[in-house]
Amino acid sequence: MITANHEVIQRWARERGAKPATIAGTERDGRAGVLTFNIPGYRESSRIREITWDDWFYTFDLRRLNLIYQEQLRDGRQSNFFRTESPDREDG
């Protein structure tokens, strides 16, 4: 699935106990760098720094990103898969 809807993104994260985050050291011009989520037991790392939803969505919207995400695995279990992507990026 793919979305840029803030409510859908927050619902998906909330259902997984995920907190908005960035990767430390990737910040630029005083704003968040690489956007991610801190998901307990899934995406825990010393490089992940939690940020506010306002900061996360400010960067998300500024970069005109989409969230690609999965609700469930084939076996029906909840999936934690996600990534951000820019529809403006040219992969050549």
PDB file of N, CA and C in Angstrom:
ATOM      1  N   MET A   1       0.840  -1.161   0.000  1.00  0.00           N
ATOM      2  CA  MET A   1       0.000   0.000   0.000  1.00  0.00           C
ATOM      3  C   MET A   1       0.895   1.238   0.000  1.00  0.00           C
ATOM      4  N   ILE A   2       0.314   2.350  -0.413  1.00  0.00           N
ATOM      5  CA  ILE A   2       1.078   3.596  -0.473  1.00  0.00           C
ATOM      6  C   ILE A   2       0.163   4.743  -0.055  1.00  0.00           C
ATOM      7  N   THR A   3       0.714   5.671   0.738  1.00  0.00           N
ATOM      8  CA  THR A   3      -0.081   6.805   1.188  1.00  0.00           C
ATOM      9  C   THR A   3       0.820   7.991   1.545  1.00  0.00           C
ATOM     10  N   ALA A   4       0.207   9.157   1.538  1.00  0.00           N
ATOM     11  CA  ALA A   4       0.820  10.370   2.081  1.00  0.00           C
ATOM     12  C   ALA A   4      -0.106  10.958   3.146  1.00  0.00           C
ATOM     13  N   ASN A   5      -1.187  10.254   3.466  1.00  0.00           N
ATOM     14  CA  ASN A   5      -2.187  10.715   4.418  1.00  0.00           C
ATOM     15  C   ASN A   5      -1.667  10.587   5.840  1.00  0.00           C
ATOM     16  N   HIS A   6      -1.605  11.707   6.547  1.00  0.00           N
ATOM     17  CA  HIS A   6      -1.052  11.733   7.900  1.00  0.00           C
ATOM     18  C   HIS A   6      -1.824  10.818   8.853  1.00  0.00           C
ATOM     19  N   GLU A   7      -3.137  10.817   8.755  1.00  0.00           N
ATOM     20  CA  GLU A   7      -3.947   9.993   9.667  1.00  0.00           C
ATOM     21  C   GLU A   7      -3.707   8.505   9.441  1.00  0.00           C
ATOM     22  N   VAL A   8      -3.585   8.095   8.194  1.00  0.00           N
ATOM     23  CA  VAL A   8      -3.323   6.693   7.870  1.00  0.00           C
ATOM     24  C   VAL A   8      -1.952   6.288   8.408  1.00  0.00           C
ATOM     25  N   ILE A   9      -0.966   7.153   8.223  1.00  0.00           N
ATOM     26  CA  ILE A   9       0.394   6.868   8.696  1.00  0.00           C
ATOM     27  C   ILE A   9       0.422   6.749  10.219  1.00  0.00           C
ATOM     28  N   GLN A  10      -0.234   7.673  10.911  1.00  0.00           N
ATOM     29  CA  GLN A  10      -0.250   7.624  12.370  1.00  0.00           C
ATOM     30  C   GLN A  10      -0.998   6.384  12.874  1.00  0.00           C
ATOM     31  N   ARG A  11      -2.082   6.008  12.226  1.00  0.00           N
ATOM     32  CA  ARG A  11      -2.811   4.804  12.620  1.00  0.00           C
ATOM     33  C   ARG A  11      -1.935   3.570  12.466  1.00  0.00           C
ATOM     34  N   TRP A  12      -1.260   3.452  11.312  1.00  0.00           N
ATOM     35  CA  TRP A  12      -0.377   2.315  11.056  1.00  0.00           C
ATOM     36  C   TRP A  12       0.705   2.245  12.132  1.00  0.00           C
ATOM     37  N   ALA A  13       1.318   3.373  12.436  1.00  0.00           N
ATOM     38  CA  ALA A  13       2.376   3.408  13.453  1.00  0.00           C
ATOM     39  C   ALA A  13       1.829   3.068  14.834  1.00  0.00           C
ATOM     40  N   ARG A  14       0.722   3.663  15.197  1.00  0.00           N
ATOM     41  CA  ARG A  14       0.131   3.442  16.522  1.00  0.00           C
ATOM     42  C   ARG A  14      -0.181   1.957  16.742  1.00  0.00           C
ATOM     43  N   GLU A  15      -0.698   1.288  15.722  1.00  0.00           N
ATOM     44  CA  GLU A  15      -1.033  -0.131  15.826  1.00  0.00           C
ATOM     45  C   GLU A  15       0.194  -0.998  16.100  1.00  0.00           C
ATOM     46  N   ARG A  16       1.383  -0.494  15.809  1.00  0.00           N
ATOM     47  CA  ARG A  16       2.622  -1.236  15.998  1.00  0.00           C
ATOM     48  C   ARG A  16       3.455  -0.705  17.170  1.00  0.00           C
ATOM     49  N   GLY A  17       2.936   0.296  17.852  1.00  0.00           N
ATOM     50  CA  GLY A  17       3.697   0.906  18.945  1.00  0.00           C
ATOM     51  C   GLY A  17       4.888   1.700  18.439  1.00  0.00           C
ATOM     52  N   ALA A  18       4.834   2.101  17.167  1.00  0.00           N
ATOM     53  CA  ALA A  18       5.952   2.800  16.516  1.00  0.00           C
ATOM     54  C   ALA A  18       5.927   4.293  16.831  1.00  0.00           C
ATOM     55  N   LYS A  19       7.110   4.846  17.027  1.00  0.00           N
ATOM     56  CA  LYS A  19       7.273   6.275  17.280  1.00  0.00           C
ATOM     57  C   LYS A  19       7.997   6.901  16.092  1.00  0.00           C
ATOM     58  N   PRO A  20       7.617   8.138  15.706  1.00  0.00           N
ATOM     59  CA  PRO A  20       8.315   8.815  14.601  1.00  0.00           C
ATOM     60  C   PRO A  20       9.773   9.048  14.983  1.00  0.00           C
ATOM     61  N   ALA A  21      10.653   8.877  14.015  1.00  0.00           N
ATOM     62  CA  ALA A  21      12.083   8.977  14.308  1.00  0.00           C
ATOM     63  C   ALA A  21      12.860   9.378  13.060  1.00  0.00           C
ATOM     64  N   THR A  22      14.115   9.700  13.305  1.00  0.00           N
ATOM     65  CA  THR A  22      15.070   9.981  12.235  1.00  0.00           C
ATOM     66  C   THR A  22      16.356   9.227  12.563  1.00  0.00           C
ATOM     67  N   ILE A  23      17.214   9.076  11.587  1.00  0.00           N
ATOM     68  CA  ILE A  23      18.506   8.438  11.801  1.00  0.00           C
ATOM     69  C   ILE A  23      19.502   9.529  12.191  1.00  0.00           C
ATOM     70  N   ALA A  24      20.071   9.395  13.383  1.00  0.00           N
ATOM     71  CA  ALA A  24      21.032  10.387  13.880  1.00  0.00           C
ATOM     72  C   ALA A  24      22.187  10.546  12.902  1.00  0.00           C
ATOM     73  N   GLY A  25      22.577  11.796  12.680  1.00  0.00           N
ATOM     74  CA  GLY A  25      23.683  12.103  11.775  1.00  0.00           C
ATOM     75  C   GLY A  25      23.244  12.397  10.352  1.00  0.00           C
ATOM     76  N   THR A  26      21.955  12.258  10.058  1.00  0.00           N
ATOM     77  CA  THR A  26      21.476  12.524   8.696  1.00  0.00           C
ATOM     78  C   THR A  26      20.712  13.842   8.610  1.00  0.00           C
ATOM     79  N   GLU A  27      20.628  14.570   9.725  1.00  0.00           N
ATOM     80  CA  GLU A  27      19.888  15.826   9.745  1.00  0.00           C
ATOM     81  C   GLU A  27      20.510  16.823   8.771  1.00  0.00           C
ATOM     82  N   ARG A  28      19.651  17.707   8.237  1.00  0.00           N
ATOM     83  CA  ARG A  28      20.120  18.748   7.310  1.00  0.00           C
ATOM     84  C   ARG A  28      19.408  20.050   7.599  1.00  0.00           C
ATOM     85  N   ASP A  29      20.155  21.115   7.666  1.00  0.00           N
ATOM     86  CA  ASP A  29      19.585  22.455   7.834  1.00  0.00           C
ATOM     87  C   ASP A  29      18.601  22.532   9.000  1.00  0.00           C
ATOM     88  N   GLY A  30      18.914  21.857  10.100  1.00  0.00           N
ATOM     89  CA  GLY A  30      18.088  21.923  11.291  1.00  0.00           C
ATOM     90  C   GLY A  30      16.804  21.122  11.241  1.00  0.00           C
ATOM     91  N   ARG A  31      16.651  20.264  10.234  1.00  0.00           N
ATOM     92  CA  ARG A  31      15.451  19.432  10.171  1.00  0.00           C
ATOM     93  C   ARG A  31      15.850  17.959  10.110  1.00  0.00           C
ATOM     94  N   ALA A  32      14.877  17.108  10.333  1.00  0.00           N
ATOM     95  CA  ALA A  32      15.120  15.668  10.352  1.00  0.00           C
ATOM     96  C   ALA A  32      15.749  15.196   9.047  1.00  0.00           C
ATOM     97  N   GLY A  33      16.563  14.175   9.153  1.00  0.00           N
ATOM     98  CA  GLY A  33      17.189  13.584   7.975  1.00  0.00           C
ATOM     99  C   GLY A  33      16.366  12.420   7.476  1.00  0.00           C
ATOM    100  N   VAL A  34      16.961  11.238   7.456  1.00  0.00           N
ATOM    101  CA  VAL A  34      16.265  10.038   7.011  1.00  0.00           C
ATOM    102  C   VAL A  34      15.126   9.751   7.989  1.00  0.00           C
ATOM    103  N   LEU A  35      13.920   9.657   7.461  1.00  0.00           N
ATOM    104  CA  LEU A  35      12.753   9.386   8.303  1.00  0.00           C
ATOM    105  C   LEU A  35      12.572   7.890   8.494  1.00  0.00           C
ATOM    106  N   THR A  36      12.211   7.516   9.711  1.00  0.00           N
ATOM    107  CA  THR A  36      11.971   6.120  10.036  1.00  0.00           C
ATOM    108  C   THR A  36      10.991   6.066  11.193  1.00  0.00           C
ATOM    109  N   PHE A  37      10.794   4.892  11.729  1.00  0.00           N
ATOM    110  CA  PHE A  37      10.005   4.711  12.942  1.00  0.00           C
ATOM    111  C   PHE A  37      10.821   3.885  13.919  1.00  0.00           C
ATOM    112  N   ASN A  38      10.655   4.146  15.188  1.00  0.00           N
ATOM    113  CA  ASN A  38      11.239   3.312  16.216  1.00  0.00           C
ATOM    114  C   ASN A  38      10.158   2.321  16.630  1.00  0.00           C
ATOM    115  N   ILE A  39      10.293   1.085  16.157  1.00  0.00           N
ATOM    116  CA  ILE A  39       9.318   0.035  16.433  1.00  0.00           C
ATOM    117  C   ILE A  39       9.954  -0.934  17.422  1.00  0.00           C
ATOM    118  N   PRO A  40       9.398  -1.035  18.619  1.00  0.00           N
ATOM    119  CA  PRO A  40       9.980  -1.935  19.628  1.00  0.00           C
ATOM    120  C   PRO A  40      10.164  -3.354  19.087  1.00  0.00           C
ATOM    121  N   GLY A  41      11.394  -3.859  19.223  1.00  0.00           N
ATOM    122  CA  GLY A  41      11.702  -5.202  18.774  1.00  0.00           C
ATOM    123  C   GLY A  41      11.927  -5.357  17.286  1.00  0.00           C
ATOM    124  N   TYR A  42      11.792  -4.271  16.532  1.00  0.00           N
ATOM    125  CA  TYR A  42      11.932  -4.362  15.070  1.00  0.00           C
ATOM    126  C   TYR A  42      12.981  -3.402  14.536  1.00  0.00           C
ATOM    127  N   ARG A  43      12.862  -2.143  14.862  1.00  0.00           N
ATOM    128  CA  ARG A  43      13.754  -1.130  14.312  1.00  0.00           C
ATOM    129  C   ARG A  43      14.563  -0.435  15.401  1.00  0.00           C
ATOM    130  N   GLU A  44      14.894  -1.131  16.448  1.00  0.00           N
ATOM    131  CA  GLU A  44      15.646  -0.506  17.525  1.00  0.00           C
ATOM    132  C   GLU A  44      17.119  -0.405  17.143  1.00  0.00           C
ATOM    133  N   SER A  45      17.679   0.747  17.344  1.00  0.00           N
ATOM    134  CA  SER A  45      19.083   0.995  17.030  1.00  0.00           C
ATOM    135  C   SER A  45      19.529   2.232  17.783  1.00  0.00           C
ATOM    136  N   SER A  46      20.799   2.273  18.114  1.00  0.00           N
ATOM    137  CA  SER A  46      21.321   3.453  18.802  1.00  0.00           C
ATOM    138  C   SER A  46      21.338   4.678  17.888  1.00  0.00           C
ATOM    139  N   ARG A  47      21.247   4.472  16.594  1.00  0.00           N
ATOM    140  CA  ARG A  47      21.236   5.601  15.646  1.00  0.00           C
ATOM    141  C   ARG A  47      19.851   6.195  15.454  1.00  0.00           C
ATOM    142  N   ILE A  48      18.820   5.502  15.893  1.00  0.00           N
ATOM    143  CA  ILE A  48      17.462   6.004  15.736  1.00  0.00           C
ATOM    144  C   ILE A  48      17.156   6.986  16.854  1.00  0.00           C
ATOM    145  N   ARG A  49      16.746   8.189  16.451  1.00  0.00           N
ATOM    146  CA  ARG A  49      16.414   9.243  17.409  1.00  0.00           C
ATOM    147  C   ARG A  49      14.955   9.621  17.208  1.00  0.00           C
ATOM    148  N   GLU A  50      14.157   9.430  18.263  1.00  0.00           N
ATOM    149  CA  GLU A  50      12.746   9.777  18.168  1.00  0.00           C
ATOM    150  C   GLU A  50      12.558  11.281  18.043  1.00  0.00           C
ATOM    151  N   ILE A  51      11.566  11.670  17.242  1.00  0.00           N
ATOM    152  CA  ILE A  51      11.226  13.078  17.030  1.00  0.00           C
ATOM    153  C   ILE A  51       9.709  13.213  17.162  1.00  0.00           C
ATOM    154  N   THR A  52       9.217  14.424  17.127  1.00  0.00           N
ATOM    155  CA  THR A  52       7.772  14.643  17.232  1.00  0.00           C
ATOM    156  C   THR A  52       7.102  14.331  15.896  1.00  0.00           C
ATOM    157  N   TRP A  53       5.799  14.067  15.981  1.00  0.00           N
ATOM    158  CA  TRP A  53       5.041  13.881  14.741  1.00  0.00           C
ATOM    159  C   TRP A  53       5.098  15.156  13.903  1.00  0.00           C
ATOM    160  N   ASP A  54       5.057  16.329  14.529  1.00  0.00           N
ATOM    161  CA  ASP A  54       5.124  17.582  13.766  1.00  0.00           C
ATOM    162  C   ASP A  54       6.415  17.661  12.967  1.00  0.00           C
ATOM    163  N   ASP A  55       7.556  17.341  13.589  1.00  0.00           N
ATOM    164  CA  ASP A  55       8.840  17.374  12.881  1.00  0.00           C
ATOM    165  C   ASP A  55       8.888  16.315  11.780  1.00  0.00           C
ATOM    166  N   TRP A  56       8.354  15.127  12.089  1.00  0.00           N
ATOM    167  CA  TRP A  56       8.365  14.037  11.116  1.00  0.00           C
ATOM    168  C   TRP A  56       7.553  14.417   9.882  1.00  0.00           C
ATOM    169  N   PHE A  57       6.326  14.910  10.095  1.00  0.00           N
ATOM    170  CA  PHE A  57       5.462  15.264   8.960  1.00  0.00           C
ATOM    171  C   PHE A  57       5.947  16.523   8.242  1.00  0.00           C
ATOM    172  N   TYR A  58       6.585  17.442   8.945  1.00  0.00           N
ATOM    173  CA  TYR A  58       7.132  18.625   8.277  1.00  0.00           C
ATOM    174  C   TYR A  58       8.138  18.177   7.212  1.00  0.00           C
ATOM    175  N   THR A  59       9.049  17.289   7.597  1.00  0.00           N
ATOM    176  CA  THR A  59      10.059  16.796   6.659  1.00  0.00           C
ATOM    177  C   THR A  59       9.425  15.931   5.579  1.00  0.00           C
ATOM    178  N   PHE A  60       8.476  15.080   5.960  1.00  0.00           N
ATOM    179  CA  PHE A  60       7.758  14.206   5.025  1.00  0.00           C
ATOM    180  C   PHE A  60       7.086  15.033   3.930  1.00  0.00           C
ATOM    181  N   ASP A  61       6.366  16.083   4.351  1.00  0.00           N
ATOM    182  CA  ASP A  61       5.657  16.937   3.392  1.00  0.00           C
ATOM    183  C   ASP A  61       6.608  17.798   2.576  1.00  0.00           C
ATOM    184  N   LEU A  62       7.636  18.331   3.220  1.00  0.00           N
ATOM    185  CA  LEU A  62       8.615  19.168   2.528  1.00  0.00           C
ATOM    186  C   LEU A  62       9.277  18.403   1.383  1.00  0.00           C
ATOM    187  N   ARG A  63       9.567  17.139   1.610  1.00  0.00           N
ATOM    188  CA  ARG A  63      10.208  16.299   0.591  1.00  0.00           C
ATOM    189  C   ARG A  63       9.206  15.638  -0.348  1.00  0.00           C
ATOM    190  N   ARG A  64       7.913  15.886  -0.098  1.00  0.00           N
ATOM    191  CA  ARG A  64       6.844  15.313  -0.927  1.00  0.00           C
ATOM    192  C   ARG A  64       6.969  13.793  -1.017  1.00  0.00           C
ATOM    193  N   LEU A  65       7.095  13.155   0.147  1.00  0.00           N
ATOM    194  CA  LEU A  65       7.280  11.715   0.220  1.00  0.00           C
ATOM    195  C   LEU A  65       5.951  10.967   0.280  1.00  0.00           C
ATOM    196  N   ASN A  66       6.029   9.698   0.009  1.00  0.00           N
ATOM    197  CA  ASN A  66       4.950   8.749   0.232  1.00  0.00           C
ATOM    198  C   ASN A  66       5.475   7.693   1.190  1.00  0.00           C
ATOM    199  N   LEU A  67       4.568   7.057   1.907  1.00  0.00           N
ATOM    200  CA  LEU A  67       4.930   5.917   2.734  1.00  0.00           C
ATOM    201  C   LEU A  67       4.412   4.666   2.045  1.00  0.00           C
ATOM    202  N   ILE A  68       5.323   3.758   1.766  1.00  0.00           N
ATOM    203  CA  ILE A  68       4.968   2.445   1.259  1.00  0.00           C
ATOM    204  C   ILE A  68       4.967   1.539   2.485  1.00  0.00           C
ATOM    205  N   TYR A  69       3.864   0.821   2.681  1.00  0.00           N
ATOM    206  CA  TYR A  69       3.757   0.022   3.897  1.00  0.00           C
ATOM    207  C   TYR A  69       2.942  -1.238   3.640  1.00  0.00           C
ATOM    208  N   GLN A  70       3.067  -2.159   4.563  1.00  0.00           N
ATOM    209  CA  GLN A  70       2.339  -3.413   4.476  1.00  0.00           C
ATOM    210  C   GLN A  70       1.554  -3.596   5.772  1.00  0.00           C
ATOM    211  N   GLU A  71       0.303  -3.995   5.665  1.00  0.00           N
ATOM    212  CA  GLU A  71      -0.535  -4.232   6.848  1.00  0.00           C
ATOM    213  C   GLU A  71      -0.287  -5.619   7.440  1.00  0.00           C
ATOM    214  N   GLN A  72      -0.270  -6.645   6.566  1.00  0.00           N
ATOM    215  CA  GLN A  72      -0.144  -8.018   7.033  1.00  0.00           C
ATOM    216  C   GLN A  72       0.815  -8.815   6.164  1.00  0.00           C
ATOM    217  N   LEU A  73       1.423  -9.828   6.796  1.00  0.00           N
ATOM    218  CA  LEU A  73       2.241 -10.791   6.073  1.00  0.00           C
ATOM    219  C   LEU A  73       1.303 -11.806   5.405  1.00  0.00           C
ATOM    220  N   ARG A  74       1.823 -12.623   4.533  1.00  0.00           N
ATOM    221  CA  ARG A  74       0.993 -13.624   3.843  1.00  0.00           C
ATOM    222  C   ARG A  74       0.284 -14.558   4.813  1.00  0.00           C
ATOM    223  N   ASP A  75       0.934 -14.827   5.946  1.00  0.00           N
ATOM    224  CA  ASP A  75       0.322 -15.748   6.915  1.00  0.00           C
ATOM    225  C   ASP A  75      -0.687 -15.055   7.833  1.00  0.00           C
ATOM    226  N   GLY A  76      -0.949 -13.763   7.586  1.00  0.00           N
ATOM    227  CA  GLY A  76      -1.945 -13.032   8.360  1.00  0.00           C
ATOM    228  C   GLY A  76      -1.416 -12.272   9.553  1.00  0.00           C
ATOM    229  N   ARG A  77      -0.155 -12.512   9.917  1.00  0.00           N
ATOM    230  CA  ARG A  77       0.427 -11.758  11.028  1.00  0.00           C
ATOM    231  C   ARG A  77       0.663 -10.308  10.612  1.00  0.00           C
ATOM    232  N   GLN A  78       0.672  -9.429  11.609  1.00  0.00           N
ATOM    233  CA  GLN A  78       0.897  -8.006  11.359  1.00  0.00           C
ATOM    234  C   GLN A  78       2.301  -7.785  10.792  1.00  0.00           C
ATOM    235  N   SER A  79       2.391  -6.944   9.779  1.00  0.00           N
ATOM    236  CA  SER A  79       3.676  -6.618   9.160  1.00  0.00           C
ATOM    237  C   SER A  79       4.173  -5.269   9.661  1.00  0.00           C
ATOM    238  N   ASN A  80       5.473  -5.167   9.847  1.00  0.00           N
ATOM    239  CA  ASN A  80       6.108  -3.899  10.213  1.00  0.00           C
ATOM    240  C   ASN A  80       6.849  -3.277   9.031  1.00  0.00           C
ATOM    241  N   PHE A  81       6.684  -3.849   7.842  1.00  0.00           N
ATOM    242  CA  PHE A  81       7.414  -3.337   6.678  1.00  0.00           C
ATOM    243  C   PHE A  81       6.921  -1.944   6.292  1.00  0.00           C
ATOM    244  N   PHE A  82       7.895  -1.067   6.043  1.00  0.00           N
ATOM    245  CA  PHE A  82       7.595   0.263   5.512  1.00  0.00           C
ATOM    246  C   PHE A  82       8.855   0.824   4.867  1.00  0.00           C
ATOM    247  N   ARG A  83       8.661   1.820   4.038  1.00  0.00           N
ATOM    248  CA  ARG A  83       9.763   2.648   3.544  1.00  0.00           C
ATOM    249  C   ARG A  83       9.157   3.932   3.002  1.00  0.00           C
ATOM    250  N   THR A  84       9.954   4.973   2.977  1.00  0.00           N
ATOM    251  CA  THR A  84       9.507   6.220   2.365  1.00  0.00           C
ATOM    252  C   THR A  84      10.088   6.285   0.966  1.00  0.00           C
ATOM    253  N   GLU A  85       9.368   6.935   0.092  1.00  0.00           N
ATOM    254  CA  GLU A  85       9.862   7.102  -1.272  1.00  0.00           C
ATOM    255  C   GLU A  85       9.375   8.421  -1.826  1.00  0.00           C
ATOM    256  N   SER A  86      10.172   8.955  -2.741  1.00  0.00           N
ATOM    257  CA  SER A  86       9.826  10.203  -3.403  1.00  0.00           C
ATOM    258  C   SER A  86       9.318   9.907  -4.805  1.00  0.00           C
ATOM    259  N   PRO A  87       8.080  10.295  -5.102  1.00  0.00           N
ATOM    260  CA  PRO A  87       7.578  10.062  -6.460  1.00  0.00           C
ATOM    261  C   PRO A  87       8.293  10.921  -7.499  1.00  0.00           C
ATOM    262  N   ASP A  88       9.034  11.931  -7.041  1.00  0.00           N
ATOM    263  CA  ASP A  88       9.761  12.811  -7.955  1.00  0.00           C
ATOM    264  C   ASP A  88      11.144  12.261  -8.329  1.00  0.00           C
ATOM    265  N   ARG A  89      11.586  11.239  -7.612  1.00  0.00           N
ATOM    266  CA  ARG A  89      12.940  10.716  -7.834  1.00  0.00           C
ATOM    267  C   ARG A  89      12.988   9.914  -9.119  1.00  0.00           C
ATOM    268  N   GLU A  90      14.031  10.134  -9.864  1.00  0.00           N
ATOM    269  CA  GLU A  90      14.217   9.386 -11.108  1.00  0.00           C
ATOM    270  C   GLU A  90      15.263   8.315 -10.882  1.00  0.00           C
ATOM    271  N   ASP A  91      14.860   7.064 -11.017  1.00  0.00           N
ATOM    272  CA  ASP A  91      15.799   5.951 -10.922  1.00  0.00           C
ATOM    273  C   ASP A  91      16.165   5.555 -12.346  1.00  0.00           C
ATOM    274  N   GLY A  92      17.377   5.846 -12.701  1.00  0.00           N
ATOM    275  CA  GLY A  92      17.701   5.626 -14.094  1.00  0.00           C
ATOM    276  C   GLY A  92      18.671   4.587 -14.319  1.00  0.00           C
TER     277      GLY A  92
END
